[in-house]
């Protein structure tokens, strides 16, 4: 990821897209949209920031109480006009200003692993994998049935491929650590670390 600083709007908001080589504590921006950064970098932020982090809560990140919000930046989520965000602190007067600057509606949700929509969709994708393994239908038939039956914008197989099996598997694996009902299908299992 490359560093990028841009002035936006009449209010003179400065947004920073930065990499690990940019000192988080030295940012001259007044808000940040963090798509990808190492945890120590995020922990060092001193300005309000919207952080792309689907799995880890702010408690797990060591960022509770900071002026941060996290969102899901998965493909198909990023493009939406409404984002669910978990707050690191209940006091977030900067959130509406950030929403206006981004041109998005930011809806607060609980700071739980997986947020809300990604968690629900990960379970749907997982169930689709089990159904396909049981031979109940083809991937195309499953996608068509779900689009017609539930009016989803995509079927579960196509949607999972757009998001990325690795991201879905990582979320399910993290959730399964505390609740076995989230155990990922073998096709979504995380590879063993060596």
C-alpha atoms as a PDB file:
ATOM      1  CA  UNK A   1       0.000   0.000   0.000  1.00  0.00           C
ATOM      2  CA  UNK A   2       1.325   3.426  -0.827  1.00  0.00           C
ATOM      3  CA  UNK A   3       1.135   6.570   1.219  1.00  0.00           C
ATOM      4  CA  UNK A   4      -1.329   9.109  -0.081  1.00  0.00           C
ATOM      5  CA  UNK A   5      -2.489  12.401   1.402  1.00  0.00           C
ATOM      6  CA  UNK A   6      -5.428  14.263  -0.029  1.00  0.00           C
ATOM      7  CA  UNK A   7      -7.314  17.398   0.956  1.00  0.00           C
ATOM      8  CA  UNK A   8     -11.066  16.969   0.692  1.00  0.00           C
ATOM      9  CA  UNK A   9     -13.972  19.332   0.855  1.00  0.00           C
ATOM     10  CA  UNK A  10     -14.407  22.902   1.957  1.00  0.00           C
ATOM     11  CA  UNK A  11     -13.699  21.908   5.541  1.00  0.00           C
ATOM     12  CA  UNK A  12     -10.112  21.146   4.554  1.00  0.00           C
ATOM     13  CA  UNK A  13     -10.236  17.571   5.789  1.00  0.00           C
ATOM     14  CA  UNK A  14      -7.028  15.713   5.275  1.00  0.00           C
ATOM     15  CA  UNK A  15      -7.241  11.976   4.706  1.00  0.00           C
ATOM     16  CA  UNK A  16      -4.280   9.682   4.814  1.00  0.00           C
ATOM     17  CA  UNK A  17      -3.863   6.328   3.195  1.00  0.00           C
ATOM     18  CA  UNK A  18      -0.557   5.135   4.531  1.00  0.00           C
ATOM     19  CA  UNK A  19       1.696   2.146   4.793  1.00  0.00           C
ATOM     20  CA  UNK A  20       3.801   0.796   7.645  1.00  0.00           C
ATOM     21  CA  UNK A  21       6.595   3.248   6.746  1.00  0.00           C
ATOM     22  CA  UNK A  22       4.436   6.239   7.618  1.00  0.00           C
ATOM     23  CA  UNK A  23       4.724   7.168  11.287  1.00  0.00           C
ATOM     24  CA  UNK A  24       1.167   6.936  12.624  1.00  0.00           C
ATOM     25  CA  UNK A  25       1.909   9.299  15.492  1.00  0.00           C
ATOM     26  CA  UNK A  26       3.233  11.936  13.084  1.00  0.00           C
ATOM     27  CA  UNK A  27       0.267  12.094  10.708  1.00  0.00           C
ATOM     28  CA  UNK A  28      -0.763  15.634   9.902  1.00  0.00           C
ATOM     29  CA  UNK A  29      -4.210  14.524   8.797  1.00  0.00           C
ATOM     30  CA  UNK A  30      -7.267  15.102  10.943  1.00  0.00           C
ATOM     31  CA  UNK A  31      -8.915  11.759  10.067  1.00  0.00           C
ATOM     32  CA  UNK A  32      -7.697   8.521   8.549  1.00  0.00           C
ATOM     33  CA  UNK A  33      -9.171   5.728   6.472  1.00  0.00           C
ATOM     34  CA  UNK A  34      -6.919   2.744   7.127  1.00  0.00           C
ATOM     35  CA  UNK A  35      -7.326  -0.034   4.605  1.00  0.00           C
ATOM     36  CA  UNK A  36      -4.267  -2.047   5.556  1.00  0.00           C
ATOM     37  CA  UNK A  37      -1.707  -1.484   8.282  1.00  0.00           C
ATOM     38  CA  UNK A  38       0.088  -3.533  10.926  1.00  0.00           C
ATOM     39  CA  UNK A  39      -1.438  -3.557  14.404  1.00  0.00           C
ATOM     40  CA  UNK A  40       1.325  -1.475  16.077  1.00  0.00           C
ATOM     41  CA  UNK A  41       0.714   1.235  13.466  1.00  0.00           C
ATOM     42  CA  UNK A  42      -3.019   1.271  14.238  1.00  0.00           C
ATOM     43  CA  UNK A  43      -2.322   1.306  17.991  1.00  0.00           C
ATOM     44  CA  UNK A  44      -0.126   4.399  17.527  1.00  0.00           C
ATOM     45  CA  UNK A  45      -2.822   6.438  15.738  1.00  0.00           C
ATOM     46  CA  UNK A  46      -3.727   9.660  17.533  1.00  0.00           C
ATOM     47  CA  UNK A  47      -6.435  10.867  15.155  1.00  0.00           C
ATOM     48  CA  UNK A  48      -9.957   9.543  14.481  1.00  0.00           C
ATOM     49  CA  UNK A  49      -9.722   6.669  12.037  1.00  0.00           C
ATOM     50  CA  UNK A  50     -11.917   4.190  10.255  1.00  0.00           C
ATOM     51  CA  UNK A  51     -10.010   0.892  10.174  1.00  0.00           C
ATOM     52  CA  UNK A  52     -10.630  -2.021   7.815  1.00  0.00           C
ATOM     53  CA  UNK A  53     -10.733  -4.895  10.341  1.00  0.00           C
ATOM     54  CA  UNK A  54     -13.448  -7.522  10.206  1.00  0.00           C
ATOM     55  CA  UNK A  55     -12.289 -10.126  12.707  1.00  0.00           C
ATOM     56  CA  UNK A  56     -10.489  -8.553  15.672  1.00  0.00           C
ATOM     57  CA  UNK A  57     -12.380  -6.478  18.232  1.00  0.00           C
ATOM     58  CA  UNK A  58     -10.834  -3.316  19.626  1.00  0.00           C
ATOM     59  CA  UNK A  59     -10.208  -5.127  22.898  1.00  0.00           C
ATOM     60  CA  UNK A  60      -8.264  -7.808  21.013  1.00  0.00           C
ATOM     61  CA  UNK A  61      -6.399  -5.097  19.124  1.00  0.00           C
ATOM     62  CA  UNK A  62      -5.478  -3.215  22.305  1.00  0.00           C
ATOM     63  CA  UNK A  63      -7.292  -0.118  21.029  1.00  0.00           C
ATOM     64  CA  UNK A  64     -10.339   0.124  23.315  1.00  0.00           C
ATOM     65  CA  UNK A  65     -11.228   3.721  24.136  1.00  0.00           C
ATOM     66  CA  UNK A  66      -9.366   5.228  21.167  1.00  0.00           C
ATOM     67  CA  UNK A  67     -11.097   7.412  18.539  1.00  0.00           C
ATOM     68  CA  UNK A  68     -11.408   4.504  16.119  1.00  0.00           C
ATOM     69  CA  UNK A  69     -14.131   2.636  14.270  1.00  0.00           C
ATOM     70  CA  UNK A  70     -13.711  -0.573  12.338  1.00  0.00           C
ATOM     71  CA  UNK A  71     -15.544  -1.715   9.235  1.00  0.00           C
ATOM     72  CA  UNK A  72     -15.536  -4.622   6.801  1.00  0.00           C
ATOM     73  CA  UNK A  73     -13.582  -3.809   3.652  1.00  0.00           C
ATOM     74  CA  UNK A  74     -14.348  -7.103   1.916  1.00  0.00           C
ATOM     75  CA  UNK A  75     -15.139  -6.913  -1.776  1.00  0.00           C
ATOM     76  CA  UNK A  76     -18.864  -6.142  -2.204  1.00  0.00           C
ATOM     77  CA  UNK A  77     -18.941  -4.499   1.257  1.00  0.00           C
ATOM     78  CA  UNK A  78     -16.602  -1.611   0.417  1.00  0.00           C
ATOM     79  CA  UNK A  79     -18.806  -0.509  -2.472  1.00  0.00           C
ATOM     80  CA  UNK A  80     -21.969  -0.129  -0.387  1.00  0.00           C
ATOM     81  CA  UNK A  81     -23.416   3.256   0.512  1.00  0.00           C
ATOM     82  CA  UNK A  82     -24.078   2.095   4.094  1.00  0.00           C
ATOM     83  CA  UNK A  83     -21.302   0.610   6.254  1.00  0.00           C
ATOM     84  CA  UNK A  84     -21.684  -1.002   9.641  1.00  0.00           C
ATOM     85  CA  UNK A  85     -18.992   0.193  12.025  1.00  0.00           C
ATOM     86  CA  UNK A  86     -17.923  -0.925  15.484  1.00  0.00           C
ATOM     87  CA  UNK A  87     -16.651   1.820  17.759  1.00  0.00           C
ATOM     88  CA  UNK A  88     -13.649   1.586  20.087  1.00  0.00           C
ATOM     89  CA  UNK A  89     -15.249   4.232  22.310  1.00  0.00           C
ATOM     90  CA  UNK A  90     -18.944   5.077  22.740  1.00  0.00           C
ATOM     91  CA  UNK A  91     -18.051   8.761  22.432  1.00  0.00           C
ATOM     92  CA  UNK A  92     -17.451   9.327  18.711  1.00  0.00           C
ATOM     93  CA  UNK A  93     -18.461  12.893  17.764  1.00  0.00           C
ATOM     94  CA  UNK A  94     -16.217  12.651  14.695  1.00  0.00           C
ATOM     95  CA  UNK A  95     -18.181   9.743  13.189  1.00  0.00           C
ATOM     96  CA  UNK A  96     -20.848  11.820  11.424  1.00  0.00           C
ATOM     97  CA  UNK A  97     -18.234  14.178  10.036  1.00  0.00           C
ATOM     98  CA  UNK A  98     -16.350  11.191   8.659  1.00  0.00           C
ATOM     99  CA  UNK A  99     -19.531   9.734   7.183  1.00  0.00           C
ATOM    100  CA  UNK A 100     -20.221  13.003   5.359  1.00  0.00           C
ATOM    101  CA  UNK A 101     -16.670  13.263   4.067  1.00  0.00           C
ATOM    102  CA  UNK A 102     -16.822   9.672   2.783  1.00  0.00           C
ATOM    103  CA  UNK A 103     -20.298  10.058   1.327  1.00  0.00           C
ATOM    104  CA  UNK A 104     -21.395   6.966   3.266  1.00  0.00           C
ATOM    105  CA  UNK A 105     -23.889   6.242   5.988  1.00  0.00           C
ATOM    106  CA  UNK A 106     -22.043   4.752   8.995  1.00  0.00           C
ATOM    107  CA  UNK A 107     -24.234   2.598  11.219  1.00  0.00           C
ATOM    108  CA  UNK A 108     -22.824   1.664  14.660  1.00  0.00           C
ATOM    109  CA  UNK A 109     -22.959  -2.031  15.636  1.00  0.00           C
ATOM    110  CA  UNK A 110     -21.505  -4.005  18.540  1.00  0.00           C
ATOM    111  CA  UNK A 111     -17.745  -4.513  18.601  1.00  0.00           C
ATOM    112  CA  UNK A 112     -17.866  -8.275  18.068  1.00  0.00           C
ATOM    113  CA  UNK A 113     -15.709 -10.541  15.898  1.00  0.00           C
ATOM    114  CA  UNK A 114     -17.086 -10.527  12.365  1.00  0.00           C
ATOM    115  CA  UNK A 115     -19.340  -7.527  12.939  1.00  0.00           C
ATOM    116  CA  UNK A 116     -22.903  -8.418  11.841  1.00  0.00           C
ATOM    117  CA  UNK A 117     -23.324  -8.853   8.077  1.00  0.00           C
ATOM    118  CA  UNK A 118     -19.941 -10.547   7.472  1.00  0.00           C
ATOM    119  CA  UNK A 119     -20.644 -12.996  10.294  1.00  0.00           C
ATOM    120  CA  UNK A 120     -24.072 -13.908   8.895  1.00  0.00           C
ATOM    121  CA  UNK A 121     -22.798 -14.195   5.337  1.00  0.00           C
ATOM    122  CA  UNK A 122     -19.823 -16.318   6.409  1.00  0.00           C
ATOM    123  CA  UNK A 123     -22.287 -18.816   7.895  1.00  0.00           C
ATOM    124  CA  UNK A 124     -24.330 -18.753   4.685  1.00  0.00           C
ATOM    125  CA  UNK A 125     -21.184 -19.354   2.623  1.00  0.00           C
ATOM    126  CA  UNK A 126     -20.155 -22.167   4.973  1.00  0.00           C
ATOM    127  CA  UNK A 127     -23.561 -23.839   4.644  1.00  0.00           C
ATOM    128  CA  UNK A 128     -23.312 -23.517   0.862  1.00  0.00           C
ATOM    129  CA  UNK A 129     -20.001 -25.423   0.985  1.00  0.00           C
ATOM    130  CA  UNK A 130     -21.628 -28.206   3.027  1.00  0.00           C
ATOM    131  CA  UNK A 131     -24.575 -28.339   0.604  1.00  0.00           C
ATOM    132  CA  UNK A 132     -22.313 -28.552  -2.428  1.00  0.00           C
ATOM    133  CA  UNK A 133     -20.238 -31.282  -0.758  1.00  0.00           C
ATOM    134  CA  UNK A 134     -23.465 -33.225  -0.122  1.00  0.00           C
ATOM    135  CA  UNK A 135     -24.255 -32.951  -3.846  1.00  0.00           C
ATOM    136  CA  UNK A 136     -27.630 -31.232  -3.414  1.00  0.00           C
ATOM    137  CA  UNK A 137     -27.099 -29.135  -6.557  1.00  0.00           C
ATOM    138  CA  UNK A 138     -24.511 -27.460  -8.751  1.00  0.00           C
ATOM    139  CA  UNK A 139     -22.920 -24.140  -7.732  1.00  0.00           C
ATOM    140  CA  UNK A 140     -24.867 -22.377 -10.508  1.00  0.00           C
ATOM    141  CA  UNK A 141     -28.167 -23.899  -9.388  1.00  0.00           C
ATOM    142  CA  UNK A 142     -27.485 -22.894  -5.781  1.00  0.00           C
ATOM    143  CA  UNK A 143     -26.708 -19.316  -6.798  1.00  0.00           C
ATOM    144  CA  UNK A 144     -29.832 -19.108  -8.957  1.00  0.00           C
ATOM    145  CA  UNK A 145     -32.056 -20.575  -6.229  1.00  0.00           C
ATOM    146  CA  UNK A 146     -30.799 -18.125  -3.607  1.00  0.00           C
ATOM    147  CA  UNK A 147     -31.111 -15.126  -5.924  1.00  0.00           C
ATOM    148  CA  UNK A 148     -34.678 -16.074  -6.842  1.00  0.00           C
ATOM    149  CA  UNK A 149     -35.712 -17.281  -3.377  1.00  0.00           C
ATOM    150  CA  UNK A 150     -34.166 -14.569  -1.216  1.00  0.00           C
ATOM    151  CA  UNK A 151     -33.541 -11.757  -3.712  1.00  0.00           C
ATOM    152  CA  UNK A 152     -29.833 -11.719  -2.791  1.00  0.00           C
ATOM    153  CA  UNK A 153     -27.714  -9.680  -5.219  1.00  0.00           C
ATOM    154  CA  UNK A 154     -25.563 -12.779  -5.802  1.00  0.00           C
ATOM    155  CA  UNK A 155     -25.833 -16.425  -4.958  1.00  0.00           C
ATOM    156  CA  UNK A 156     -23.728 -17.720  -2.058  1.00  0.00           C
ATOM    157  CA  UNK A 157     -21.076 -19.385  -4.220  1.00  0.00           C
ATOM    158  CA  UNK A 158     -20.496 -16.372  -6.491  1.00  0.00           C
ATOM    159  CA  UNK A 159     -20.629 -14.030  -3.495  1.00  0.00           C
ATOM    160  CA  UNK A 160     -18.109 -16.117  -1.542  1.00  0.00           C
ATOM    161  CA  UNK A 161     -15.744 -16.123  -4.513  1.00  0.00           C
ATOM    162  CA  UNK A 162     -16.078 -12.328  -4.813  1.00  0.00           C
ATOM    163  CA  UNK A 163     -15.277 -11.872  -1.109  1.00  0.00           C
ATOM    164  CA  UNK A 164     -12.539 -14.513  -1.111  1.00  0.00           C
ATOM    165  CA  UNK A 165     -12.558 -17.981   0.437  1.00  0.00           C
ATOM    166  CA  UNK A 166      -9.501 -17.058   2.488  1.00  0.00           C
ATOM    167  CA  UNK A 167     -11.310 -14.173   4.196  1.00  0.00           C
ATOM    168  CA  UNK A 168     -14.418 -16.254   4.852  1.00  0.00           C
ATOM    169  CA  UNK A 169     -12.300 -19.123   6.202  1.00  0.00           C
ATOM    170  CA  UNK A 170     -10.305 -16.795   8.455  1.00  0.00           C
ATOM    171  CA  UNK A 171     -13.473 -15.333   9.989  1.00  0.00           C
ATOM    172  CA  UNK A 172     -15.095 -18.739  10.514  1.00  0.00           C
ATOM    173  CA  UNK A 173     -11.881 -20.108  12.011  1.00  0.00           C
ATOM    174  CA  UNK A 174     -11.715 -17.195  14.489  1.00  0.00           C
ATOM    175  CA  UNK A 175     -15.387 -17.591  15.436  1.00  0.00           C
ATOM    176  CA  UNK A 176     -15.051 -21.377  15.811  1.00  0.00           C
ATOM    177  CA  UNK A 177     -12.388 -20.873  18.485  1.00  0.00           C
ATOM    178  CA  UNK A 178     -15.182 -19.964  20.913  1.00  0.00           C
ATOM    179  CA  UNK A 179     -18.243 -21.589  19.294  1.00  0.00           C
ATOM    180  CA  UNK A 180     -18.100 -24.877  17.371  1.00  0.00           C
ATOM    181  CA  UNK A 181     -21.153 -24.054  15.245  1.00  0.00           C
ATOM    182  CA  UNK A 182     -18.858 -21.800  13.209  1.00  0.00           C
ATOM    183  CA  UNK A 183     -16.487 -24.666  12.309  1.00  0.00           C
ATOM    184  CA  UNK A 184     -15.592 -24.053   8.668  1.00  0.00           C
ATOM    185  CA  UNK A 185     -16.185 -26.636   5.979  1.00  0.00           C
ATOM    186  CA  UNK A 186     -12.907 -28.366   5.005  1.00  0.00           C
ATOM    187  CA  UNK A 187     -12.739 -26.312   1.791  1.00  0.00           C
ATOM    188  CA  UNK A 188     -12.612 -23.174   3.961  1.00  0.00           C
ATOM    189  CA  UNK A 189     -10.135 -24.458   6.557  1.00  0.00           C
ATOM    190  CA  UNK A 190      -7.101 -22.327   7.171  1.00  0.00           C
ATOM    191  CA  UNK A 191      -3.833 -23.868   6.008  1.00  0.00           C
ATOM    192  CA  UNK A 192      -1.616 -25.156   8.800  1.00  0.00           C
ATOM    193  CA  UNK A 193       1.223 -22.831   9.758  1.00  0.00           C
ATOM    194  CA  UNK A 194       4.683 -24.253   9.552  1.00  0.00           C
END
